[in-house]
């Protein structure tokens, strides 16, 4: 009995060490991650693994369906007799008040096997207010100036601060 209890505890600790379960879709990956705050290396690794797993499991057509369903826009290379299925470069961008996020997925197929995956590469970039959370490297950009207001403007104050019309130009109707 004691051995069984110890095995259950060890199994439970092992499950906790692996973190959250792997998302089943690329859209699920986007929903489950905290892209603004989690460590960039951890997010990049999880993103690359998710894309590679989904591509490996379903083939080119299924992988491109997943990518499109997750809100990516894809651009395709030119088909060639040696490469009948051109490479797909798919991108997605999203901006919050705090960060600009850009994701890219590149899928190439094996020319000898239709609907197969030769490579599935994935990467993301994060540009946040300030440079402390930027990933993979600090980016100096307009968002760093904190140009976006933290709260909506007060309509009464905005009217009081508005410039007065120039009365020398005549009446304003």
C-alpha atoms as a PDB file:
ATOM      1  CA  UNK A   1       0.000   0.000   0.000  1.00  0.00           C
ATOM      2  CA  UNK A   2       2.793   2.373   0.918  1.00  0.00           C
ATOM      3  CA  UNK A   3       4.561   1.660  -2.396  1.00  0.00           C
ATOM      4  CA  UNK A   4       1.408   2.469  -4.351  1.00  0.00           C
ATOM      5  CA  UNK A   5       1.009   5.755  -2.474  1.00  0.00           C
ATOM      6  CA  UNK A   6       4.623   6.739  -3.169  1.00  0.00           C
ATOM      7  CA  UNK A   7       4.187   5.895  -6.865  1.00  0.00           C
ATOM      8  CA  UNK A   8       1.079   8.084  -7.077  1.00  0.00           C
ATOM      9  CA  UNK A   9       2.862  11.013  -5.434  1.00  0.00           C
ATOM     10  CA  UNK A  10       5.863  10.673  -7.775  1.00  0.00           C
ATOM     11  CA  UNK A  11       3.581  10.435 -10.816  1.00  0.00           C
ATOM     12  CA  UNK A  12       1.689  13.532  -9.685  1.00  0.00           C
ATOM     13  CA  UNK A  13       4.906  15.487  -9.200  1.00  0.00           C
ATOM     14  CA  UNK A  14       6.087  14.388 -12.638  1.00  0.00           C
ATOM     15  CA  UNK A  15       2.865  15.651 -14.197  1.00  0.00           C
ATOM     16  CA  UNK A  16       3.245  19.011 -12.444  1.00  0.00           C
ATOM     17  CA  UNK A  17       6.795  19.376 -13.723  1.00  0.00           C
ATOM     18  CA  UNK A  18       5.595  19.293 -17.311  1.00  0.00           C
ATOM     19  CA  UNK A  19       3.288  22.295 -16.893  1.00  0.00           C
ATOM     20  CA  UNK A  20       0.102  22.681 -18.846  1.00  0.00           C
ATOM     21  CA  UNK A  21      -0.950  20.058 -21.413  1.00  0.00           C
ATOM     22  CA  UNK A  22       0.069  20.576 -25.032  1.00  0.00           C
ATOM     23  CA  UNK A  23      -2.563  22.491 -27.024  1.00  0.00           C
ATOM     24  CA  UNK A  24      -4.442  20.461 -29.631  1.00  0.00           C
ATOM     25  CA  UNK A  25      -4.559  23.254 -32.228  1.00  0.00           C
ATOM     26  CA  UNK A  26      -2.473  26.250 -33.202  1.00  0.00           C
ATOM     27  CA  UNK A  27      -5.374  28.499 -32.171  1.00  0.00           C
ATOM     28  CA  UNK A  28      -5.302  26.722 -28.799  1.00  0.00           C
ATOM     29  CA  UNK A  29      -1.600  27.560 -28.505  1.00  0.00           C
ATOM     30  CA  UNK A  30      -2.361  31.245 -28.994  1.00  0.00           C
ATOM     31  CA  UNK A  31      -5.159  31.148 -26.426  1.00  0.00           C
ATOM     32  CA  UNK A  32      -3.283  29.205 -23.760  1.00  0.00           C
ATOM     33  CA  UNK A  33      -0.064  31.239 -23.647  1.00  0.00           C
ATOM     34  CA  UNK A  34       0.472  34.574 -21.910  1.00  0.00           C
ATOM     35  CA  UNK A  35       2.396  36.102 -24.825  1.00  0.00           C
ATOM     36  CA  UNK A  36       2.975  39.432 -23.024  1.00  0.00           C
ATOM     37  CA  UNK A  37       4.459  38.116 -19.794  1.00  0.00           C
ATOM     38  CA  UNK A  38       5.842  34.585 -20.134  1.00  0.00           C
ATOM     39  CA  UNK A  39       9.535  34.014 -20.770  1.00  0.00           C
ATOM     40  CA  UNK A  40      10.258  34.423 -24.483  1.00  0.00           C
ATOM     41  CA  UNK A  41      12.522  31.361 -24.700  1.00  0.00           C
ATOM     42  CA  UNK A  42       9.831  29.164 -23.138  1.00  0.00           C
ATOM     43  CA  UNK A  43       7.155  30.550 -25.484  1.00  0.00           C
ATOM     44  CA  UNK A  44       9.386  30.132 -28.549  1.00  0.00           C
ATOM     45  CA  UNK A  45      10.166  26.520 -27.679  1.00  0.00           C
ATOM     46  CA  UNK A  46       6.504  25.679 -27.045  1.00  0.00           C
ATOM     47  CA  UNK A  47       5.419  27.454 -30.244  1.00  0.00           C
ATOM     48  CA  UNK A  48       8.023  25.643 -32.380  1.00  0.00           C
ATOM     49  CA  UNK A  49       7.146  22.275 -30.839  1.00  0.00           C
ATOM     50  CA  UNK A  50       3.415  22.824 -31.348  1.00  0.00           C
ATOM     51  CA  UNK A  51       3.841  23.783 -35.010  1.00  0.00           C
ATOM     52  CA  UNK A  52       6.215  20.850 -35.661  1.00  0.00           C
ATOM     53  CA  UNK A  53       3.874  18.375 -33.941  1.00  0.00           C
ATOM     54  CA  UNK A  54       0.783  19.579 -35.788  1.00  0.00           C
ATOM     55  CA  UNK A  55       2.617  19.511 -39.116  1.00  0.00           C
ATOM     56  CA  UNK A  56       4.011  16.032 -38.480  1.00  0.00           C
ATOM     57  CA  UNK A  57       0.630  14.626 -37.419  1.00  0.00           C
ATOM     58  CA  UNK A  58      -1.505  15.861 -40.290  1.00  0.00           C
ATOM     59  CA  UNK A  59       0.634  16.638 -43.335  1.00  0.00           C
ATOM     60  CA  UNK A  60       0.880  19.836 -45.368  1.00  0.00           C
ATOM     61  CA  UNK A  61      -2.812  20.376 -46.156  1.00  0.00           C
ATOM     62  CA  UNK A  62      -3.946  19.811 -42.565  1.00  0.00           C
ATOM     63  CA  UNK A  63      -1.137  21.998 -41.221  1.00  0.00           C
ATOM     64  CA  UNK A  64      -2.104  24.866 -43.540  1.00  0.00           C
ATOM     65  CA  UNK A  65      -5.756  24.510 -42.497  1.00  0.00           C
ATOM     66  CA  UNK A  66      -4.687  24.803 -38.832  1.00  0.00           C
ATOM     67  CA  UNK A  67      -2.529  27.838 -39.597  1.00  0.00           C
ATOM     68  CA  UNK A  68      -5.351  29.565 -41.488  1.00  0.00           C
ATOM     69  CA  UNK A  69      -7.873  28.700 -38.758  1.00  0.00           C
ATOM     70  CA  UNK A  70      -5.566  30.382 -36.225  1.00  0.00           C
ATOM     71  CA  UNK A  71      -5.801  33.673 -38.140  1.00  0.00           C
ATOM     72  CA  UNK A  72      -2.582  33.586 -40.161  1.00  0.00           C
ATOM     73  CA  UNK A  73      -2.249  35.096 -43.643  1.00  0.00           C
ATOM     74  CA  UNK A  74      -0.162  32.918 -45.953  1.00  0.00           C
ATOM     75  CA  UNK A  75       1.983  33.794 -48.950  1.00  0.00           C
ATOM     76  CA  UNK A  76       3.057  30.970 -51.228  1.00  0.00           C
ATOM     77  CA  UNK A  77       6.189  30.640 -53.329  1.00  0.00           C
ATOM     78  CA  UNK A  78       6.079  29.604 -56.957  1.00  0.00           C
ATOM     79  CA  UNK A  79       5.510  25.965 -57.810  1.00  0.00           C
ATOM     80  CA  UNK A  80       8.211  24.307 -59.869  1.00  0.00           C
ATOM     81  CA  UNK A  81       8.426  20.888 -61.488  1.00  0.00           C
ATOM     82  CA  UNK A  82      10.962  19.897 -58.839  1.00  0.00           C
ATOM     83  CA  UNK A  83       8.830  21.433 -56.049  1.00  0.00           C
ATOM     84  CA  UNK A  84       5.137  21.026 -56.944  1.00  0.00           C
ATOM     85  CA  UNK A  85       3.961  22.282 -53.534  1.00  0.00           C
ATOM     86  CA  UNK A  86       5.495  25.711 -52.929  1.00  0.00           C
ATOM     87  CA  UNK A  87       6.698  26.918 -49.554  1.00  0.00           C
ATOM     88  CA  UNK A  88       4.141  28.721 -47.414  1.00  0.00           C
ATOM     89  CA  UNK A  89       5.145  31.670 -45.230  1.00  0.00           C
ATOM     90  CA  UNK A  90       2.298  32.536 -42.882  1.00  0.00           C
ATOM     91  CA  UNK A  91       2.168  35.522 -40.549  1.00  0.00           C
ATOM     92  CA  UNK A  92      -0.095  36.817 -37.818  1.00  0.00           C
ATOM     93  CA  UNK A  93       0.144  40.085 -35.887  1.00  0.00           C
ATOM     94  CA  UNK A  94      -1.688  41.416 -32.866  1.00  0.00           C
ATOM     95  CA  UNK A  95      -1.294  44.556 -30.795  1.00  0.00           C
ATOM     96  CA  UNK A  96      -2.432  45.242 -27.257  1.00  0.00           C
ATOM     97  CA  UNK A  97      -1.944  48.478 -25.326  1.00  0.00           C
ATOM     98  CA  UNK A  98       1.270  47.051 -23.935  1.00  0.00           C
ATOM     99  CA  UNK A  99       2.825  44.999 -26.766  1.00  0.00           C
ATOM    100  CA  UNK A 100       2.992  44.291 -30.481  1.00  0.00           C
ATOM    101  CA  UNK A 101       3.192  40.570 -31.306  1.00  0.00           C
ATOM    102  CA  UNK A 102       4.262  39.037 -34.607  1.00  0.00           C
ATOM    103  CA  UNK A 103       4.238  35.303 -35.349  1.00  0.00           C
ATOM    104  CA  UNK A 104       5.559  33.521 -38.439  1.00  0.00           C
ATOM    105  CA  UNK A 105       5.184  29.918 -39.600  1.00  0.00           C
ATOM    106  CA  UNK A 106       7.079  28.605 -42.630  1.00  0.00           C
ATOM    107  CA  UNK A 107       6.135  25.231 -44.084  1.00  0.00           C
ATOM    108  CA  UNK A 108       7.979  23.445 -46.872  1.00  0.00           C
ATOM    109  CA  UNK A 109       7.070  20.065 -48.269  1.00  0.00           C
ATOM    110  CA  UNK A 110       9.143  17.139 -49.442  1.00  0.00           C
ATOM    111  CA  UNK A 111       9.064  17.245 -53.260  1.00  0.00           C
ATOM    112  CA  UNK A 112       9.192  13.442 -53.490  1.00  0.00           C
ATOM    113  CA  UNK A 113       6.104  12.932 -51.299  1.00  0.00           C
ATOM    114  CA  UNK A 114       2.985  15.044 -51.920  1.00  0.00           C
ATOM    115  CA  UNK A 115       1.245  16.444 -48.815  1.00  0.00           C
ATOM    116  CA  UNK A 116       4.293  15.801 -46.669  1.00  0.00           C
ATOM    117  CA  UNK A 117       6.276  18.201 -44.511  1.00  0.00           C
ATOM    118  CA  UNK A 118       9.967  18.752 -45.142  1.00  0.00           C
ATOM    119  CA  UNK A 119      10.253  21.517 -42.530  1.00  0.00           C
ATOM    120  CA  UNK A 120       7.947  23.514 -40.281  1.00  0.00           C
ATOM    121  CA  UNK A 121       9.613  26.520 -38.718  1.00  0.00           C
ATOM    122  CA  UNK A 122       7.933  28.863 -36.245  1.00  0.00           C
ATOM    123  CA  UNK A 123       9.007  32.057 -34.565  1.00  0.00           C
ATOM    124  CA  UNK A 124       7.572  35.047 -32.783  1.00  0.00           C
ATOM    125  CA  UNK A 125       8.619  38.549 -31.806  1.00  0.00           C
ATOM    126  CA  UNK A 126       7.367  40.722 -28.976  1.00  0.00           C
ATOM    127  CA  UNK A 127       7.822  44.509 -28.809  1.00  0.00           C
ATOM    128  CA  UNK A 128       6.442  45.967 -25.566  1.00  0.00           C
ATOM    129  CA  UNK A 129       6.346  49.395 -23.909  1.00  0.00           C
ATOM    130  CA  UNK A 130       9.912  49.847 -22.724  1.00  0.00           C
ATOM    131  CA  UNK A 131      12.404  47.186 -23.736  1.00  0.00           C
ATOM    132  CA  UNK A 132      12.474  44.868 -20.704  1.00  0.00           C
ATOM    133  CA  UNK A 133       9.911  42.388 -22.124  1.00  0.00           C
ATOM    134  CA  UNK A 134      10.900  42.655 -25.807  1.00  0.00           C
ATOM    135  CA  UNK A 135      11.809  39.324 -27.365  1.00  0.00           C
ATOM    136  CA  UNK A 136      14.055  37.964 -28.859  1.00  0.00           C
ATOM    137  CA  UNK A 137      15.990  41.203 -28.398  1.00  0.00           C
ATOM    138  CA  UNK A 138      15.243  44.741 -27.242  1.00  0.00           C
ATOM    139  CA  UNK A 139      13.566  46.873 -29.913  1.00  0.00           C
ATOM    140  CA  UNK A 140      13.574  50.664 -29.829  1.00  0.00           C
ATOM    141  CA  UNK A 141      10.241  51.684 -31.353  1.00  0.00           C
ATOM    142  CA  UNK A 142       7.398  54.192 -31.095  1.00  0.00           C
ATOM    143  CA  UNK A 143       5.634  52.022 -28.501  1.00  0.00           C
ATOM    144  CA  UNK A 144       8.555  52.629 -26.109  1.00  0.00           C
ATOM    145  CA  UNK A 145       7.656  56.312 -25.882  1.00  0.00           C
ATOM    146  CA  UNK A 146       4.409  55.362 -24.189  1.00  0.00           C
ATOM    147  CA  UNK A 147       2.415  57.340 -26.733  1.00  0.00           C
ATOM    148  CA  UNK A 148      -0.793  55.433 -26.056  1.00  0.00           C
ATOM    149  CA  UNK A 149      -2.853  56.823 -23.199  1.00  0.00           C
ATOM    150  CA  UNK A 150      -3.403  54.492 -20.290  1.00  0.00           C
ATOM    151  CA  UNK A 151      -7.044  55.585 -19.990  1.00  0.00           C
ATOM    152  CA  UNK A 152      -9.544  57.275 -22.295  1.00  0.00           C
ATOM    153  CA  UNK A 153      -9.493  61.063 -22.321  1.00  0.00           C
ATOM    154  CA  UNK A 154     -11.914  62.958 -20.083  1.00  0.00           C
ATOM    155  CA  UNK A 155     -14.442  64.569 -22.490  1.00  0.00           C
ATOM    156  CA  UNK A 156     -14.978  67.631 -20.256  1.00  0.00           C
ATOM    157  CA  UNK A 157     -11.266  68.273 -19.850  1.00  0.00           C
ATOM    158  CA  UNK A 158     -10.669  67.698 -23.574  1.00  0.00           C
ATOM    159  CA  UNK A 159     -13.192  70.427 -24.432  1.00  0.00           C
ATOM    160  CA  UNK A 160     -11.606  72.828 -21.945  1.00  0.00           C
ATOM    161  CA  UNK A 161      -8.121  72.195 -23.314  1.00  0.00           C
ATOM    162  CA  UNK A 162      -9.169  72.488 -26.966  1.00  0.00           C
ATOM    163  CA  UNK A 163      -7.729  75.557 -28.691  1.00  0.00           C
ATOM    164  CA  UNK A 164     -10.090  78.466 -29.144  1.00  0.00           C
ATOM    165  CA  UNK A 165     -11.005  79.434 -32.698  1.00  0.00           C
ATOM    166  CA  UNK A 166      -9.186  82.391 -34.222  1.00  0.00           C
ATOM    167  CA  UNK A 167     -11.798  85.186 -34.144  1.00  0.00           C
ATOM    168  CA  UNK A 168      -9.862  87.269 -36.677  1.00  0.00           C
ATOM    169  CA  UNK A 169     -10.957  84.947 -39.457  1.00  0.00           C
ATOM    170  CA  UNK A 170     -14.599  85.819 -39.072  1.00  0.00           C
ATOM    171  CA  UNK A 171     -17.499  83.927 -37.520  1.00  0.00           C
ATOM    172  CA  UNK A 172     -17.506  80.151 -37.512  1.00  0.00           C
ATOM    173  CA  UNK A 173     -20.807  78.591 -38.542  1.00  0.00           C
END
